[in-house]
């Protein structure tokens, strides 16, 4: 059986089990759960299909739990940072055995195999999967955790998968958190990376954090340092004990219908990566706003754990029962010449703005059947050297209790700061939603450029997408048409999507 037939078989099994469960009222054995996500696309230009599938099976019985995930790609994503040199590939990419051992006030667990985890907000360690941006930096090894009288302790040792598919680098990590002081919880994190490179020394990150809540204020502060004896000796002549540092702070205030959020960051040579640079062990908060609109995501600025400082400010105010406003402003810059990043890499660069963004949104509910949303975004980012202005108008119409029509118009004016070229893009989205069963969307994008005076070049992309909830366990969608190239960014991690022409089909099953 080839891989394509295998994936179809797995999907059909999931469907048949669900249909049988619905018709005969037969359910899976207690403790057993199955999920399957299938994404299929056919590119008409290349005349080649792309198929990705994740099949998860998990079982829990008392203190014992186990599971695995079967990944199948045919062909795999062409981006080498994602496929890691694999093509037409299938493998048990994730498997684990876990024991939960509780005794009186002590709650503990031990996990063997593949695992994920995060300390604090990811400053020192964050291992996770996000299929939208194709991130999966799981570790294979052992993880221990215990909770006792306000203390939570986690210790782990594992190996990530390198570009060539081999697990050889080793990460040791430890975290302790105490919540017994309700007004001042605190924690300490430590992670050390031993690369699979001869004569390489350990690189480590360590941090302390506090997260008090005082009245209407929620506070989070974390400060960390990076150490490596080889760089300490060869670059700093043993005059400095640290080679990098990181700081993240968050202050939230809530009062009645008003809330405000302020965040600051300083990441100076604070990245912790494996030996071939394809796996980041830490992903601190990026302080970039994530948008639901197409054009506002067109100019991303990926997180750089080694060379950025900045802030983000957001305020929300409900000025009536039917209206509220959101304001957001953020900026990220590179670090100065005296930073660890520039000293270690022997650079001499001036500070530049990586990203500056402003966003405003006003929501108003006119009546039970009509809501308007007016938005405006400003973005200046270094990666494509563009400045953009984006006004957006969204209207939602509700009728019949379960019917919604959404109409969104986006316009974006762009200027290339290097060439001076100006161009604009427009997006029209019309969606009809019949809750909770199905939805139908039409999205059209037009890009107009003037590469030379009086010569206007326009490109048009348009697709139709239909979504259908087959039952409570199954959702399907199909997309037909063309889609502009762009980036998908979540938490400062971005994945580039090339221009698409063809058909996409997705099926999600959960049993």
Protein backbone atom coordinates (compact mmCIF):
# COMPACT_ATOMS: atom_id res chain seq x y z
CA UNK A 1 0.00 0.00 0.00
CA UNK A 2 1.51 3.36 -0.97
CA UNK A 3 1.39 6.38 1.31
CA UNK A 4 -1.51 8.03 -0.51
CA UNK A 5 -3.67 4.92 -0.18
CA UNK A 6 -2.65 4.60 3.45
CA UNK A 7 -3.77 8.11 4.29
CA UNK A 8 -7.08 7.65 2.50
CA UNK A 9 -7.58 4.40 4.38
CA UNK A 10 -6.94 6.09 7.72
CA UNK A 11 -9.38 8.86 6.89
CA UNK A 12 -12.07 6.44 5.76
CA UNK A 13 -11.63 4.41 8.95
CA UNK A 14 -12.18 7.57 10.98
CA UNK A 15 -15.27 8.43 8.97
CA UNK A 16 -16.68 4.89 9.16
CA UNK A 17 -16.14 4.65 12.90
CA UNK A 18 -17.95 7.95 13.37
CA UNK A 19 -20.85 6.98 11.11
CA UNK A 20 -21.18 3.70 12.96
CA UNK A 21 -21.12 5.51 16.26
CA UNK A 22 -23.88 7.83 15.09
CA UNK A 23 -26.10 5.17 13.55
CA UNK A 24 -25.70 2.36 16.11
CA UNK A 25 -24.92 4.55 19.12
CA UNK A 26 -21.59 2.79 19.50
CA UNK A 27 -18.78 4.84 20.97
CA UNK A 28 -15.09 4.22 21.33
CA UNK A 29 -13.87 2.33 24.41
CA UNK A 30 -13.61 4.52 27.49
CA UNK A 31 -10.33 6.39 27.58
CA UNK A 32 -9.66 6.09 23.84
CA UNK A 33 -9.72 9.15 21.58
CA UNK A 34 -8.91 9.58 17.89
CA UNK A 35 -8.40 12.69 15.80
CA UNK A 36 -7.38 13.12 12.20
CA UNK A 37 -6.56 16.28 10.24
CA UNK A 38 -6.24 16.02 6.48
CA UNK A 39 -5.15 18.90 4.22
CA UNK A 40 -5.08 18.23 0.47
CA UNK A 41 -4.24 20.70 -2.29
CA UNK A 42 -3.89 20.42 -6.04
CA UNK A 43 -1.82 23.13 -7.72
CA UNK A 44 -3.06 23.53 -11.30
CA UNK A 45 0.11 25.34 -12.46
CA UNK A 46 2.48 22.62 -11.25
CA UNK A 47 -0.11 19.88 -11.86
CA UNK A 48 0.97 18.31 -8.59
CA UNK A 49 -0.96 17.43 -5.43
CA UNK A 50 0.19 18.19 -1.91
CA UNK A 51 -1.17 16.17 0.98
CA UNK A 52 -0.55 16.57 4.70
CA UNK A 53 -2.14 14.42 7.38
CA UNK A 54 -1.88 14.13 11.14
CA UNK A 55 -3.48 11.08 12.78
CA UNK A 56 -3.59 11.08 16.60
CA UNK A 57 -4.58 8.20 18.86
CA UNK A 58 -4.55 8.57 22.66
CA UNK A 59 -5.55 6.21 25.42
CA UNK A 60 -5.97 6.79 29.16
CA UNK A 61 -6.67 4.20 31.83
CA UNK A 62 -6.32 5.25 35.44
CA UNK A 63 -2.81 6.51 36.12
CA UNK A 64 -1.60 5.33 32.72
CA UNK A 65 -1.83 7.19 29.40
CA UNK A 66 -0.18 6.72 26.05
CA UNK A 67 -0.53 7.84 22.46
CA UNK A 68 1.07 8.48 19.13
CA UNK A 69 0.80 10.74 16.09
CA UNK A 70 1.30 9.47 12.56
CA UNK A 71 2.45 12.19 10.13
CA UNK A 72 2.12 11.59 6.40
CA UNK A 73 3.13 14.02 3.65
CA UNK A 74 2.98 13.49 -0.11
CA UNK A 75 4.80 15.52 -1.13
CA UNK A 76 6.02 17.40 1.92
CA UNK A 77 6.10 21.18 2.16
CA UNK A 78 8.92 22.46 -0.11
CA UNK A 79 10.22 24.81 2.60
CA UNK A 80 13.37 23.08 3.96
CA UNK A 81 12.83 24.59 7.41
CA UNK A 82 9.62 22.54 7.53
CA UNK A 83 10.38 19.35 5.63
CA UNK A 84 13.88 18.94 7.12
CA UNK A 85 15.05 17.16 4.01
CA UNK A 86 12.10 14.74 3.84
CA UNK A 87 9.95 14.16 0.78
CA UNK A 88 6.99 11.78 0.43
CA UNK A 89 7.39 10.85 4.02
CA UNK A 90 5.43 8.98 6.68
CA UNK A 91 6.50 8.34 10.24
CA UNK A 92 5.36 7.99 13.83
CA UNK A 93 6.50 11.51 14.63
CA UNK A 94 5.21 11.66 18.21
CA UNK A 95 4.75 8.89 20.79
CA UNK A 96 4.68 8.87 24.57
CA UNK A 97 3.90 6.95 27.73
CA UNK A 98 2.84 8.84 30.85
CA UNK A 99 2.21 7.84 34.47
CA UNK A 100 0.34 10.08 36.93
CA UNK A 101 1.46 9.27 40.46
CA UNK A 102 -0.52 11.04 43.20
CA UNK A 103 -0.02 10.57 46.93
CA UNK A 104 -1.92 12.69 49.45
CA UNK A 105 -0.96 16.32 48.64
CA UNK A 106 1.70 15.33 46.12
CA UNK A 107 0.64 15.25 42.45
CA UNK A 108 3.37 14.04 40.14
CA UNK A 109 3.83 12.59 36.66
CA UNK A 110 6.54 11.06 34.50
CA UNK A 111 6.52 11.14 30.69
CA UNK A 112 8.72 9.03 28.47
CA UNK A 113 8.96 9.61 24.72
CA UNK A 114 8.01 12.81 22.89
CA UNK A 115 6.68 15.77 24.84
CA UNK A 116 6.01 19.50 24.79
CA UNK A 117 6.29 22.08 27.56
CA UNK A 118 6.73 25.72 28.48
CA UNK A 119 8.29 27.57 31.41
CA UNK A 120 6.60 30.83 32.34
CA UNK A 121 5.88 32.62 29.07
CA UNK A 122 8.54 30.91 26.99
CA UNK A 123 11.55 33.11 27.77
CA UNK A 124 13.80 30.15 28.60
CA UNK A 125 11.93 27.14 27.21
CA UNK A 126 8.95 26.61 24.92
CA UNK A 127 8.36 23.37 23.03
CA UNK A 128 5.07 23.28 21.11
CA UNK A 129 3.23 22.39 17.91
CA UNK A 130 1.34 24.89 15.76
CA UNK A 131 0.22 23.46 12.43
CA UNK A 132 -0.80 26.85 11.06
CA UNK A 133 2.85 27.91 10.93
CA UNK A 134 4.21 24.33 10.75
CA UNK A 135 6.12 24.52 14.02
CA UNK A 136 6.82 21.28 15.86
CA UNK A 137 9.90 21.42 18.09
CA UNK A 138 8.99 18.49 20.35
CA UNK A 139 11.68 16.78 22.39
CA UNK A 140 12.25 13.05 22.81
CA UNK A 141 13.37 12.00 26.26
CA UNK A 142 11.96 12.20 29.78
CA UNK A 143 9.92 14.82 31.63
CA UNK A 144 9.10 14.83 35.35
CA UNK A 145 6.67 17.15 37.11
CA UNK A 146 5.41 17.46 40.68
CA UNK A 147 3.04 19.74 42.61
CA UNK A 148 3.15 20.02 46.39
CA UNK A 149 1.76 22.72 48.71
CA UNK A 150 1.99 25.57 46.20
CA UNK A 151 5.21 24.39 44.56
CA UNK A 152 5.32 23.17 40.97
CA UNK A 153 8.56 21.56 39.80
CA UNK A 154 9.35 20.41 36.27
CA UNK A 155 12.53 18.74 35.09
CA UNK A 156 13.23 17.37 31.63
CA UNK A 157 15.92 16.04 29.35
CA UNK A 158 15.32 15.57 25.66
CA UNK A 159 16.57 15.78 22.09
CA UNK A 160 15.04 17.80 19.22
CA UNK A 161 14.95 16.64 15.62
CA UNK A 162 17.65 18.25 13.48
CA UNK A 163 17.40 19.17 9.79
CA UNK A 164 18.60 15.70 8.78
CA UNK A 165 16.00 13.99 10.97
CA UNK A 166 18.56 12.87 13.56
CA UNK A 167 18.10 13.53 17.28
CA UNK A 168 21.56 14.10 18.76
CA UNK A 169 21.62 17.50 20.53
CA UNK A 170 20.60 17.35 24.18
CA UNK A 171 18.59 19.88 26.18
CA UNK A 172 18.35 19.74 29.97
CA UNK A 173 15.85 22.06 31.63
CA UNK A 174 14.43 22.73 35.08
CA UNK A 175 11.67 25.01 36.41
CA UNK A 176 10.29 25.71 39.87
CA UNK A 177 7.28 27.89 40.61
CA UNK A 178 5.71 28.83 43.93
CA UNK A 179 2.14 30.09 44.20
CA UNK A 180 1.76 29.82 47.96
CA UNK A 181 2.15 33.57 48.25
CA UNK A 182 -1.08 34.67 46.58
CA UNK A 183 0.11 38.26 46.17
CA UNK A 184 3.59 37.41 44.87
CA UNK A 185 3.98 34.11 42.97
CA UNK A 186 7.50 33.62 41.65
CA UNK A 187 9.51 31.16 39.60
CA UNK A 188 12.97 30.18 38.41
CA UNK A 189 13.87 28.55 35.07
CA UNK A 190 17.06 27.00 33.73
CA UNK A 191 17.89 25.33 30.41
CA UNK A 192 21.21 24.10 29.04
CA UNK A 193 21.92 22.99 25.48
CA UNK A 194 24.69 20.54 24.61
CA UNK A 195 25.09 20.54 20.81
CA UNK A 196 26.18 17.50 18.84
CA UNK A 197 29.42 19.22 17.84
CA UNK A 198 32.90 18.04 18.98
CA UNK A 199 34.50 20.14 21.72
CA UNK A 200 31.44 22.40 22.03
CA UNK A 201 30.58 23.73 25.47
CA UNK A 202 27.17 24.03 27.08
CA UNK A 203 25.07 27.14 26.39
CA UNK A 204 22.59 27.93 29.15
CA UNK A 205 19.71 30.28 29.89
CA UNK A 206 18.39 31.03 33.36
CA UNK A 207 15.72 33.43 34.55
CA UNK A 208 13.68 34.55 37.52
CA UNK A 209 10.07 35.77 37.31
CA UNK A 210 7.37 37.27 39.50
CA UNK A 211 3.67 37.61 38.69
CA UNK A 212 1.78 39.46 41.43
CA UNK A 213 -1.85 40.57 41.29
CA UNK A 214 -2.61 43.72 43.23
CA UNK A 215 -6.17 45.01 43.16
CA UNK A 216 -7.05 45.63 39.51
CA UNK A 217 -3.43 45.20 38.40
CA UNK A 218 -1.89 42.02 36.99
CA UNK A 219 1.89 42.12 36.70
CA UNK A 220 4.47 39.82 35.13
CA UNK A 221 8.23 40.40 35.06
CA UNK A 222 10.95 37.99 33.94
CA UNK A 223 14.69 38.58 33.64
CA UNK A 224 17.18 36.10 32.25
CA UNK A 225 20.84 35.68 31.37
CA UNK A 226 22.72 33.57 28.83
CA UNK A 227 26.07 31.91 29.51
CA UNK A 228 28.69 30.03 27.48
CA UNK A 229 32.27 29.55 28.70
CA UNK A 230 33.73 29.33 25.18
CA UNK A 231 32.35 32.73 24.14
CA UNK A 232 33.14 34.14 27.57
CA UNK A 233 36.80 33.24 27.12
CA UNK A 234 37.32 33.88 23.40
CA UNK A 235 35.19 37.02 22.96
CA UNK A 236 35.20 38.70 26.39
CA UNK A 237 38.56 37.40 27.71
CA UNK A 238 36.81 36.16 30.87
CA UNK A 239 35.91 39.75 31.77
CA UNK A 240 32.17 39.10 31.58
CA UNK A 241 30.35 36.13 33.03
CA UNK A 242 27.29 36.40 30.77
CA UNK A 243 27.00 36.62 26.98
CA UNK A 244 23.35 37.63 26.62
CA UNK A 245 20.30 38.76 28.53
CA UNK A 246 16.56 38.97 28.17
CA UNK A 247 13.74 40.84 29.84
CA UNK A 248 9.97 40.79 29.45
CA UNK A 249 7.43 42.79 31.44
CA UNK A 250 3.65 42.95 31.35
CA UNK A 251 1.28 45.27 33.22
CA UNK A 252 -2.51 44.89 32.88
CA UNK A 253 -5.13 47.11 34.47
CA UNK A 254 -8.89 46.51 34.53
CA UNK A 255 -11.53 48.91 35.77
CA UNK A 256 -15.21 48.64 34.94
CA UNK A 257 -15.54 48.97 31.15
CA UNK A 258 -11.91 50.04 30.67
CA UNK A 259 -8.75 47.92 30.35
CA UNK A 260 -5.18 48.71 29.47
CA UNK A 261 -2.20 46.48 28.66
CA UNK A 262 1.46 47.48 28.50
CA UNK A 263 4.35 45.19 27.54
CA UNK A 264 8.10 45.71 27.16
CA UNK A 265 10.86 43.42 25.89
CA UNK A 266 14.64 43.34 25.58
CA UNK A 267 16.15 40.26 23.91
CA UNK A 268 19.92 40.60 23.55
CA UNK A 269 21.68 37.50 22.17
CA UNK A 270 19.07 35.49 24.06
CA UNK A 271 18.23 32.81 21.48
CA UNK A 272 18.83 29.19 22.49
CA UNK A 273 19.04 26.99 19.38
CA UNK A 274 20.21 23.53 18.42
CA UNK A 275 23.48 22.88 16.57
CA UNK A 276 22.14 23.36 13.02
CA UNK A 277 20.00 26.40 13.90
CA UNK A 278 16.67 24.85 12.85
CA UNK A 279 15.15 24.45 16.33
CA UNK A 280 14.56 27.29 18.78
CA UNK A 281 14.25 26.06 22.36
CA UNK A 282 12.84 29.38 23.57
CA UNK A 283 10.13 31.62 22.08
CA UNK A 284 9.52 34.65 24.32
CA UNK A 285 6.53 36.97 23.77
CA UNK A 286 6.88 38.75 20.44
CA UNK A 287 4.79 41.86 21.23
CA UNK A 288 3.31 41.86 17.74
CA UNK A 289 -0.41 42.23 17.26
CA UNK A 290 -2.15 39.40 15.41
CA UNK A 291 -4.89 40.39 12.99
CA UNK A 292 -7.92 38.65 11.53
CA UNK A 293 -7.82 40.72 8.32
CA UNK A 294 -5.99 39.71 5.14
CA UNK A 295 -4.02 42.84 4.28
CA UNK A 296 -2.89 43.62 7.82
CA UNK A 297 -0.99 40.33 7.81
CA UNK A 298 0.75 41.10 4.50
CA UNK A 299 3.81 42.77 6.08
CA UNK A 300 5.08 40.65 8.97
CA UNK A 301 8.08 41.08 11.24
CA UNK A 302 9.32 37.75 12.63
CA UNK A 303 10.53 37.48 16.19
CA UNK A 304 14.31 37.73 16.70
CA UNK A 305 15.29 36.37 20.11
CA UNK A 306 18.83 37.70 19.68
CA UNK A 307 18.44 41.28 18.55
CA UNK A 308 15.37 43.29 19.47
CA UNK A 309 13.87 45.62 22.01
CA UNK A 310 10.47 47.25 22.06
CA UNK A 311 7.06 47.72 23.60
CA UNK A 312 3.34 47.30 22.93
CA UNK A 313 0.44 49.24 24.38
CA UNK A 314 -3.25 48.42 24.05
CA UNK A 315 -6.39 50.04 25.50
CA UNK A 316 -9.99 48.83 25.33
CA UNK A 317 -13.04 50.83 26.31
CA UNK A 318 -16.73 49.86 26.22
CA UNK A 319 -18.34 53.29 26.03
CA UNK A 320 -21.87 51.82 25.83
CA UNK A 321 -23.63 48.49 25.88
CA UNK A 322 -23.43 48.38 22.09
CA UNK A 323 -20.09 50.03 21.34
CA UNK A 324 -16.43 49.61 22.15
CA UNK A 325 -13.09 50.87 20.87
CA UNK A 326 -9.62 49.30 20.76
CA UNK A 327 -6.32 51.15 20.36
CA UNK A 328 -2.96 49.42 19.90
CA UNK A 329 0.53 50.78 19.34
CA UNK A 330 3.79 48.87 19.26
CA UNK A 331 7.38 49.26 18.14
CA UNK A 332 10.37 46.94 17.81
CA UNK A 333 13.96 48.09 17.21
CA UNK A 334 17.33 46.40 16.80
CA UNK A 335 19.91 46.71 19.57
CA UNK A 336 22.74 49.27 19.86
CA UNK A 337 26.43 48.77 19.14
CA UNK A 338 27.28 47.94 22.76
CA UNK A 339 24.81 45.05 22.90
CA UNK A 340 25.94 41.47 23.46
CA UNK A 341 24.56 40.57 20.04
CA UNK A 342 26.84 43.00 18.23
CA UNK A 343 29.86 42.30 20.42
CA UNK A 344 29.62 38.53 20.06
CA UNK A 345 29.08 38.71 16.29
CA UNK A 346 31.63 41.55 15.85
CA UNK A 347 29.14 43.96 14.29
CA UNK A 348 29.01 47.73 14.21
CA UNK A 349 25.46 48.58 13.18
CA UNK A 350 23.19 51.47 14.09
CA UNK A 351 19.79 50.96 15.68
CA UNK A 352 17.01 50.58 13.12
CA UNK A 353 13.25 50.14 13.45
CA UNK A 354 12.19 46.58 12.67
CA UNK A 355 8.50 47.28 13.01
CA UNK A 356 6.19 50.11 14.06
CA UNK A 357 2.46 49.49 14.04
CA UNK A 358 -0.72 51.27 15.07
CA UNK A 359 -4.21 49.82 15.02
CA UNK A 360 -7.59 51.27 15.90
CA UNK A 361 -10.96 49.54 15.79
CA UNK A 362 -14.46 50.76 16.63
CA UNK A 363 -17.37 48.30 16.98
CA UNK A 364 -20.96 49.46 17.08
CA UNK A 365 -24.12 47.37 17.28
CA UNK A 366 -26.89 49.38 15.62
CA UNK A 367 -29.62 46.88 16.44
CA UNK A 368 -30.12 43.14 16.83
CA UNK A 369 -29.67 42.62 13.11
CA UNK A 370 -26.80 44.94 12.19
CA UNK A 371 -23.26 45.55 13.47
CA UNK A 372 -20.50 47.71 11.96
CA UNK A 373 -16.75 47.51 12.56
CA UNK A 374 -14.41 50.27 11.37
CA UNK A 375 -10.65 49.65 11.57
CA UNK A 376 -7.46 51.40 10.59
CA UNK A 377 -3.92 50.03 10.58
CA UNK A 378 -0.51 51.63 10.08
CA UNK A 379 2.57 49.46 9.64
CA UNK A 380 6.23 50.20 8.99
CA UNK A 381 8.47 47.17 8.81
CA UNK A 382 12.06 46.49 7.86
CA UNK A 383 11.84 43.08 6.19
CA UNK A 384 10.20 44.40 2.99
CA UNK A 385 11.03 48.09 3.67
CA UNK A 386 7.43 49.20 3.29
CA UNK A 387 5.04 51.62 4.96
CA UNK A 388 1.37 50.74 4.69
CA UNK A 389 -1.95 52.40 5.56
CA UNK A 390 -4.98 50.12 5.79
CA UNK A 391 -8.59 51.28 6.36
CA UNK A 392 -11.16 48.51 6.77
CA UNK A 393 -14.95 48.46 6.89
CA UNK A 394 -16.83 45.36 8.08
CA UNK A 395 -20.60 44.98 8.27
CA UNK A 396 -22.46 42.02 9.76
CA UNK A 397 -26.13 41.32 9.16
CA UNK A 398 -28.03 38.83 11.34
CA UNK A 399 -31.44 37.39 10.49
CA UNK A 400 -33.56 34.34 11.16
CA UNK A 401 -31.70 33.50 14.35
CA UNK A 402 -29.06 31.35 12.64
CA UNK A 403 -28.09 33.36 9.54
CA UNK A 404 -25.23 35.84 9.22
CA UNK A 405 -23.91 37.77 6.24
CA UNK A 406 -20.50 39.39 6.65
CA UNK A 407 -19.13 41.94 4.16
CA UNK A 408 -15.54 43.17 4.59
CA UNK A 409 -13.80 45.77 2.44
CA UNK A 410 -10.04 46.29 2.95
CA UNK A 411 -7.85 48.86 1.22
CA UNK A 412 -4.09 49.15 1.69
CA UNK A 413 -1.79 51.86 0.37
CA UNK A 414 1.87 50.79 0.31
CA UNK A 415 5.12 52.61 -0.26
CA UNK A 416 8.50 50.95 -0.80
CA UNK A 417 11.02 52.99 1.19
CA UNK A 418 13.96 51.98 -1.04
CA UNK A 419 12.53 52.46 -4.53
CA UNK A 420 9.82 54.95 -3.66
CA UNK A 421 7.26 52.87 -5.58
CA UNK A 422 3.67 53.23 -4.41
CA UNK A 423 1.01 50.58 -4.94
CA UNK A 424 -2.26 49.55 -3.40
CA UNK A 425 -4.29 46.43 -2.72
CA UNK A 426 -8.01 45.88 -2.19
CA UNK A 427 -9.81 42.90 -0.69
CA UNK A 428 -13.53 42.17 -0.80
CA UNK A 429 -14.84 39.36 1.41
CA UNK A 430 -18.46 38.21 1.43
CA UNK A 431 -19.41 35.37 3.76
CA UNK A 432 -22.74 33.69 4.45
CA UNK A 433 -22.92 31.61 7.63
CA UNK A 434 -25.76 29.24 8.42
CA UNK A 435 -25.02 28.41 12.03
CA UNK A 436 -23.85 25.88 12.98
CA UNK A 437 -23.88 23.75 9.85
CA UNK A 438 -22.24 25.50 6.92
CA UNK A 439 -20.64 28.63 5.53
CA UNK A 440 -19.86 30.03 2.08
CA UNK A 441 -17.21 32.69 1.42
CA UNK A 442 -16.05 34.66 -1.61
CA UNK A 443 -12.75 36.55 -1.32
CA UNK A 444 -11.30 38.70 -4.11
CA UNK A 445 -8.03 40.63 -3.99
CA UNK A 446 -6.79 43.21 -6.50
CA UNK A 447 -3.23 44.57 -6.51
CA UNK A 448 -2.43 47.65 -8.61
CA UNK A 449 1.15 48.75 -9.31
CA UNK A 450 2.70 51.43 -11.51
CA UNK A 451 6.28 50.21 -12.18
CA UNK A 452 6.76 53.02 -14.71
CA UNK A 453 4.78 56.25 -15.15
CA UNK A 454 1.40 55.74 -16.87
CA UNK A 455 1.86 51.95 -16.94
CA UNK A 456 -0.52 50.33 -14.48
CA UNK A 457 -0.30 46.60 -13.80
CA UNK A 458 -3.17 44.88 -12.02
CA UNK A 459 -3.35 41.36 -10.67
CA UNK A 460 -6.50 39.67 -9.42
CA UNK A 461 -6.89 36.66 -7.11
CA UNK A 462 -10.26 35.20 -6.19
CA UNK A 463 -11.49 32.06 -4.49
CA UNK A 464 -14.63 30.49 -3.11
CA UNK A 465 -14.53 28.53 0.15
CA UNK A 466 -17.29 26.25 1.45
CA UNK A 467 -17.30 24.87 4.98
CA UNK A 468 -19.61 22.20 6.34
CA UNK A 469 -20.02 20.67 9.79
CA UNK A 470 -20.93 17.06 9.03
CA UNK A 471 -21.69 16.35 12.68
CA UNK A 472 -20.28 17.24 16.09
CA UNK A 473 -17.08 15.31 15.36
CA UNK A 474 -16.39 16.19 11.73
CA UNK A 475 -15.77 19.43 9.84
CA UNK A 476 -14.88 19.76 6.17
CA UNK A 477 -13.98 22.66 3.89
CA UNK A 478 -13.10 23.08 0.23
CA UNK A 479 -11.48 26.04 -1.49
CA UNK A 480 -11.40 26.63 -5.25
CA UNK A 481 -9.61 29.47 -7.01
CA UNK A 482 -6.48 31.60 -6.64
CA UNK A 483 -4.86 33.19 -3.60
CA UNK A 484 -2.15 35.83 -3.29
CA UNK A 485 1.19 34.86 -1.77
CA UNK A 486 1.60 35.96 1.81
CA UNK A 487 2.69 35.17 5.32
CA UNK A 488 0.97 33.45 8.21
CA UNK A 489 2.33 34.71 11.53
CA UNK A 490 1.46 33.55 15.03
CA UNK A 491 3.40 34.74 18.07
CA UNK A 492 6.16 36.22 15.92
CA UNK A 493 6.73 32.93 14.08
CA UNK A 494 5.97 33.22 10.38
CA UNK A 495 5.43 30.82 7.48
CA UNK A 496 5.44 32.00 3.89
CA UNK A 497 2.63 30.74 1.68
CA UNK A 498 3.37 30.93 -2.07
CA UNK A 499 0.77 32.00 -4.59
CA UNK A 500 -1.90 29.34 -4.99
CA UNK A 501 -4.04 28.30 -7.95
CA UNK A 502 -6.12 25.17 -7.64
CA UNK A 503 -8.23 23.26 -5.12
CA UNK A 504 -7.77 22.77 -1.39
CA UNK A 505 -9.67 20.31 0.77
CA UNK A 506 -9.55 19.92 4.56
CA UNK A 507 -11.21 17.38 6.83
CA UNK A 508 -11.02 17.38 10.63
CA UNK A 509 -12.29 14.35 12.60
CA UNK A 510 -12.43 14.07 16.39
CA UNK A 511 -13.83 10.99 18.12
